């Protein structure tokens, strides 16, 4: 069955980065990204894989086995796989989950750079990271949207403050 899409070309390709590892631990970082390039129809293009590794700050780790990478580096590599697909939209599910503050800061910096070239839909509980990254925010509690707006609007919203910023009513 075929149906012509009216979506813009950059929205037709979406890459999803989920919380669980989607990496091959016994392959190198380069081999993992090269597989993503090949899976996206790019053939065996190791040079493009190296470009994507550089883009996520792992160029110097290309020949390291994934199992030897730190947790934050594995998350960076997962972003490299997503970039290697050439997707115009990245759907990121808690990219800072389980990270030490320095690792999370590195990922936030990387995402700030990537958002200049890609559309990013971010699901994240680290509200400070969300405030630093997002142009618009929708906040959910128990699957219900309680607020949508600009970061400053969300930061001041009383329900958001109670649910996510640890404030009680009246503070």
C-alpha atoms as a PDB file:
ATOM      1  CA  UNK A   1       0.000   0.000   0.000  1.00  0.00           C
ATOM      2  CA  UNK A   2       1.374   3.366  -0.934  1.00  0.00           C
ATOM      3  CA  UNK A   3       0.286   6.847   0.017  1.00  0.00           C
ATOM      4  CA  UNK A   4       1.930  10.064  -1.038  1.00  0.00           C
ATOM      5  CA  UNK A   5       3.059  12.074   1.955  1.00  0.00           C
ATOM      6  CA  UNK A   6       2.660  15.817   2.196  1.00  0.00           C
ATOM      7  CA  UNK A   7       5.346  16.092   4.880  1.00  0.00           C
ATOM      8  CA  UNK A   8       8.457  18.140   4.133  1.00  0.00           C
ATOM      9  CA  UNK A   9      11.450  15.986   3.146  1.00  0.00           C
ATOM     10  CA  UNK A  10      13.349  16.663   6.403  1.00  0.00           C
ATOM     11  CA  UNK A  11      10.401  15.345   8.434  1.00  0.00           C
ATOM     12  CA  UNK A  12      10.068  12.137   6.419  1.00  0.00           C
ATOM     13  CA  UNK A  13      13.164  10.683   8.043  1.00  0.00           C
ATOM     14  CA  UNK A  14      13.141  10.270  11.804  1.00  0.00           C
ATOM     15  CA  UNK A  15      15.806   8.600  13.888  1.00  0.00           C
ATOM     16  CA  UNK A  16      14.917   7.385  17.369  1.00  0.00           C
ATOM     17  CA  UNK A  17      17.447   7.140  20.201  1.00  0.00           C
ATOM     18  CA  UNK A  18      15.947   5.141  23.062  1.00  0.00           C
ATOM     19  CA  UNK A  19      17.230   4.739  26.612  1.00  0.00           C
ATOM     20  CA  UNK A  20      18.465   1.106  26.338  1.00  0.00           C
ATOM     21  CA  UNK A  21      21.732   0.439  24.532  1.00  0.00           C
ATOM     22  CA  UNK A  22      21.266  -0.192  20.827  1.00  0.00           C
ATOM     23  CA  UNK A  23      24.960  -0.773  20.235  1.00  0.00           C
ATOM     24  CA  UNK A  24      27.067  -3.804  19.356  1.00  0.00           C
ATOM     25  CA  UNK A  25      29.438  -4.079  22.349  1.00  0.00           C
ATOM     26  CA  UNK A  26      32.013  -6.271  20.573  1.00  0.00           C
ATOM     27  CA  UNK A  27      32.348  -3.865  17.625  1.00  0.00           C
ATOM     28  CA  UNK A  28      34.333  -0.660  17.618  1.00  0.00           C
ATOM     29  CA  UNK A  29      32.681   2.737  17.717  1.00  0.00           C
ATOM     30  CA  UNK A  30      33.582   3.171  14.045  1.00  0.00           C
ATOM     31  CA  UNK A  31      32.096  -0.208  13.076  1.00  0.00           C
ATOM     32  CA  UNK A  32      28.839   0.662  14.878  1.00  0.00           C
ATOM     33  CA  UNK A  33      28.462   3.962  13.021  1.00  0.00           C
ATOM     34  CA  UNK A  34      29.529   2.378   9.715  1.00  0.00           C
ATOM     35  CA  UNK A  35      26.690  -0.151  10.127  1.00  0.00           C
ATOM     36  CA  UNK A  36      24.240   2.724  10.623  1.00  0.00           C
ATOM     37  CA  UNK A  37      25.568   4.441   7.487  1.00  0.00           C
ATOM     38  CA  UNK A  38      25.208   1.192   5.549  1.00  0.00           C
ATOM     39  CA  UNK A  39      21.719   0.596   6.958  1.00  0.00           C
ATOM     40  CA  UNK A  40      20.680   4.044   5.736  1.00  0.00           C
ATOM     41  CA  UNK A  41      21.725   3.088   2.206  1.00  0.00           C
ATOM     42  CA  UNK A  42      25.131   4.733   2.309  1.00  0.00           C
ATOM     43  CA  UNK A  43      27.144   1.598   1.539  1.00  0.00           C
ATOM     44  CA  UNK A  44      30.399   0.871   3.342  1.00  0.00           C
ATOM     45  CA  UNK A  45      31.399   4.483   3.897  1.00  0.00           C
ATOM     46  CA  UNK A  46      33.910   4.521   6.745  1.00  0.00           C
ATOM     47  CA  UNK A  47      34.841   8.121   5.990  1.00  0.00           C
ATOM     48  CA  UNK A  48      31.268   9.281   6.582  1.00  0.00           C
ATOM     49  CA  UNK A  49      31.195   7.188   9.761  1.00  0.00           C
ATOM     50  CA  UNK A  50      34.334   9.016  10.938  1.00  0.00           C
ATOM     51  CA  UNK A  51      32.682  12.370  10.214  1.00  0.00           C
ATOM     52  CA  UNK A  52      29.707  11.413  12.398  1.00  0.00           C
ATOM     53  CA  UNK A  53      32.006  10.190  15.172  1.00  0.00           C
ATOM     54  CA  UNK A  54      33.795  13.536  15.060  1.00  0.00           C
ATOM     55  CA  UNK A  55      30.434  15.325  15.168  1.00  0.00           C
ATOM     56  CA  UNK A  56      29.566  13.650  18.468  1.00  0.00           C
ATOM     57  CA  UNK A  57      33.030  14.123  19.957  1.00  0.00           C
ATOM     58  CA  UNK A  58      34.227  10.527  19.625  1.00  0.00           C
ATOM     59  CA  UNK A  59      36.672  10.791  16.732  1.00  0.00           C
ATOM     60  CA  UNK A  60      39.517   9.799  19.040  1.00  0.00           C
ATOM     61  CA  UNK A  61      37.565   6.716  20.193  1.00  0.00           C
ATOM     62  CA  UNK A  62      36.863   5.295  16.699  1.00  0.00           C
ATOM     63  CA  UNK A  63      38.910   2.129  17.231  1.00  0.00           C
ATOM     64  CA  UNK A  64      37.774   1.466  20.794  1.00  0.00           C
ATOM     65  CA  UNK A  65      35.372  -1.426  21.462  1.00  0.00           C
ATOM     66  CA  UNK A  66      31.973  -0.196  22.609  1.00  0.00           C
ATOM     67  CA  UNK A  67      32.195  -2.299  25.767  1.00  0.00           C
ATOM     68  CA  UNK A  68      35.240  -0.210  26.776  1.00  0.00           C
ATOM     69  CA  UNK A  69      33.405   3.120  26.433  1.00  0.00           C
ATOM     70  CA  UNK A  70      32.007   4.980  29.443  1.00  0.00           C
ATOM     71  CA  UNK A  71      28.229   5.317  29.788  1.00  0.00           C
ATOM     72  CA  UNK A  72      28.236   8.920  28.539  1.00  0.00           C
ATOM     73  CA  UNK A  73      30.389   7.971  25.559  1.00  0.00           C
ATOM     74  CA  UNK A  74      27.935   5.209  24.661  1.00  0.00           C
ATOM     75  CA  UNK A  75      25.135   7.789  24.668  1.00  0.00           C
ATOM     76  CA  UNK A  76      27.252  10.002  22.404  1.00  0.00           C
ATOM     77  CA  UNK A  77      27.796   7.019  20.104  1.00  0.00           C
ATOM     78  CA  UNK A  78      24.044   6.364  19.968  1.00  0.00           C
ATOM     79  CA  UNK A  79      23.632   9.958  18.783  1.00  0.00           C
ATOM     80  CA  UNK A  80      26.309   9.281  16.168  1.00  0.00           C
ATOM     81  CA  UNK A  81      24.292   6.316  14.901  1.00  0.00           C
ATOM     82  CA  UNK A  82      21.208   8.525  14.639  1.00  0.00           C
ATOM     83  CA  UNK A  83      23.153  11.163  12.697  1.00  0.00           C
ATOM     84  CA  UNK A  84      24.552   8.506  10.386  1.00  0.00           C
ATOM     85  CA  UNK A  85      21.041   7.698   9.174  1.00  0.00           C
ATOM     86  CA  UNK A  86      20.771  11.218   7.758  1.00  0.00           C
ATOM     87  CA  UNK A  87      17.442  11.746   9.534  1.00  0.00           C
ATOM     88  CA  UNK A  88      16.131  15.295   9.673  1.00  0.00           C
ATOM     89  CA  UNK A  89      14.368  14.665  12.992  1.00  0.00           C
ATOM     90  CA  UNK A  90      15.912  13.088  16.079  1.00  0.00           C
ATOM     91  CA  UNK A  91      13.568  11.647  18.710  1.00  0.00           C
ATOM     92  CA  UNK A  92      15.598  11.373  21.901  1.00  0.00           C
ATOM     93  CA  UNK A  93      14.307   9.451  24.912  1.00  0.00           C
ATOM     94  CA  UNK A  94      16.095  10.596  28.070  1.00  0.00           C
ATOM     95  CA  UNK A  95      19.566  11.047  26.580  1.00  0.00           C
ATOM     96  CA  UNK A  96      20.939  12.200  29.966  1.00  0.00           C
ATOM     97  CA  UNK A  97      19.552   9.230  31.945  1.00  0.00           C
ATOM     98  CA  UNK A  98      22.026   7.746  34.392  1.00  0.00           C
ATOM     99  CA  UNK A  99      24.770  10.257  33.649  1.00  0.00           C
ATOM    100  CA  UNK A 100      27.113  12.028  35.985  1.00  0.00           C
ATOM    101  CA  UNK A 101      26.779  15.834  35.847  1.00  0.00           C
ATOM    102  CA  UNK A 102      29.900  16.262  33.669  1.00  0.00           C
ATOM    103  CA  UNK A 103      28.662  13.649  31.171  1.00  0.00           C
ATOM    104  CA  UNK A 104      25.198  15.252  31.059  1.00  0.00           C
ATOM    105  CA  UNK A 105      26.758  18.673  30.455  1.00  0.00           C
ATOM    106  CA  UNK A 106      28.744  17.214  27.540  1.00  0.00           C
ATOM    107  CA  UNK A 107      25.562  15.763  26.000  1.00  0.00           C
ATOM    108  CA  UNK A 108      23.689  19.059  26.479  1.00  0.00           C
ATOM    109  CA  UNK A 109      26.521  20.882  24.686  1.00  0.00           C
ATOM    110  CA  UNK A 110      26.435  18.337  21.875  1.00  0.00           C
ATOM    111  CA  UNK A 111      22.662  18.653  21.518  1.00  0.00           C
ATOM    112  CA  UNK A 112      22.916  22.453  21.459  1.00  0.00           C
ATOM    113  CA  UNK A 113      25.205  22.076  18.441  1.00  0.00           C
ATOM    114  CA  UNK A 114      23.030  19.424  16.769  1.00  0.00           C
ATOM    115  CA  UNK A 115      19.822  21.436  17.085  1.00  0.00           C
ATOM    116  CA  UNK A 116      21.241  23.953  14.626  1.00  0.00           C
ATOM    117  CA  UNK A 117      21.191  21.218  11.939  1.00  0.00           C
ATOM    118  CA  UNK A 118      18.370  18.903  13.008  1.00  0.00           C
ATOM    119  CA  UNK A 119      14.929  19.055  14.536  1.00  0.00           C
ATOM    120  CA  UNK A 120      15.032  17.427  17.963  1.00  0.00           C
ATOM    121  CA  UNK A 121      12.077  16.068  19.925  1.00  0.00           C
ATOM    122  CA  UNK A 122      13.386  15.510  23.428  1.00  0.00           C
ATOM    123  CA  UNK A 123      11.839  13.454  26.233  1.00  0.00           C
ATOM    124  CA  UNK A 124      13.830  14.262  29.369  1.00  0.00           C
ATOM    125  CA  UNK A 125      13.353  14.536  33.138  1.00  0.00           C
ATOM    126  CA  UNK A 126      16.418  16.722  33.711  1.00  0.00           C
ATOM    127  CA  UNK A 127      14.535  20.017  33.661  1.00  0.00           C
ATOM    128  CA  UNK A 128      17.663  22.193  33.670  1.00  0.00           C
ATOM    129  CA  UNK A 129      18.844  20.395  30.532  1.00  0.00           C
ATOM    130  CA  UNK A 130      15.389  20.869  28.993  1.00  0.00           C
ATOM    131  CA  UNK A 131      15.431  24.595  29.783  1.00  0.00           C
ATOM    132  CA  UNK A 132      18.869  24.937  28.179  1.00  0.00           C
ATOM    133  CA  UNK A 133      17.926  23.021  25.028  1.00  0.00           C
ATOM    134  CA  UNK A 134      14.284  23.616  24.211  1.00  0.00           C
ATOM    135  CA  UNK A 135      12.696  26.326  22.106  1.00  0.00           C
ATOM    136  CA  UNK A 136       9.224  25.110  23.182  1.00  0.00           C
ATOM    137  CA  UNK A 137       8.267  22.758  25.981  1.00  0.00           C
ATOM    138  CA  UNK A 138       5.211  20.620  26.667  1.00  0.00           C
ATOM    139  CA  UNK A 139       5.129  19.219  30.179  1.00  0.00           C
ATOM    140  CA  UNK A 140       3.234  16.045  31.003  1.00  0.00           C
ATOM    141  CA  UNK A 141       2.128  14.614  34.326  1.00  0.00           C
ATOM    142  CA  UNK A 142       0.663  11.107  34.268  1.00  0.00           C
ATOM    143  CA  UNK A 143       0.336  11.326  30.475  1.00  0.00           C
ATOM    144  CA  UNK A 144      -1.617  14.610  30.528  1.00  0.00           C
ATOM    145  CA  UNK A 145      -0.205  17.871  29.184  1.00  0.00           C
ATOM    146  CA  UNK A 146      -0.276  20.400  32.013  1.00  0.00           C
ATOM    147  CA  UNK A 147       1.582  23.213  30.245  1.00  0.00           C
ATOM    148  CA  UNK A 148       3.029  24.145  26.854  1.00  0.00           C
ATOM    149  CA  UNK A 149       5.053  27.218  26.017  1.00  0.00           C
ATOM    150  CA  UNK A 150       8.416  28.916  25.953  1.00  0.00           C
ATOM    151  CA  UNK A 151      11.039  27.851  28.518  1.00  0.00           C
ATOM    152  CA  UNK A 152      10.515  30.945  30.704  1.00  0.00           C
ATOM    153  CA  UNK A 153       6.745  30.370  30.718  1.00  0.00           C
ATOM    154  CA  UNK A 154       7.187  26.739  31.733  1.00  0.00           C
ATOM    155  CA  UNK A 155       9.737  27.617  34.427  1.00  0.00           C
ATOM    156  CA  UNK A 156       7.162  29.969  36.036  1.00  0.00           C
ATOM    157  CA  UNK A 157       4.107  27.711  35.594  1.00  0.00           C
ATOM    158  CA  UNK A 158       2.787  26.723  39.075  1.00  0.00           C
ATOM    159  CA  UNK A 159       1.812  23.139  38.162  1.00  0.00           C
ATOM    160  CA  UNK A 160       5.194  22.515  36.531  1.00  0.00           C
ATOM    161  CA  UNK A 161       6.968  23.958  39.557  1.00  0.00           C
ATOM    162  CA  UNK A 162       5.073  21.575  41.844  1.00  0.00           C
ATOM    163  CA  UNK A 163       5.500  18.490  39.626  1.00  0.00           C
ATOM    164  CA  UNK A 164       9.080  18.876  38.401  1.00  0.00           C
ATOM    165  CA  UNK A 165      10.908  21.606  40.248  1.00  0.00           C
ATOM    166  CA  UNK A 166      10.150  20.377  43.765  1.00  0.00           C
ATOM    167  CA  UNK A 167       8.139  23.344  44.952  1.00  0.00           C
ATOM    168  CA  UNK A 168       4.994  23.125  47.054  1.00  0.00           C
ATOM    169  CA  UNK A 169       1.960  25.329  46.689  1.00  0.00           C
ATOM    170  CA  UNK A 170       2.518  28.799  48.063  1.00  0.00           C
ATOM    171  CA  UNK A 171       6.319  28.879  47.625  1.00  0.00           C
END
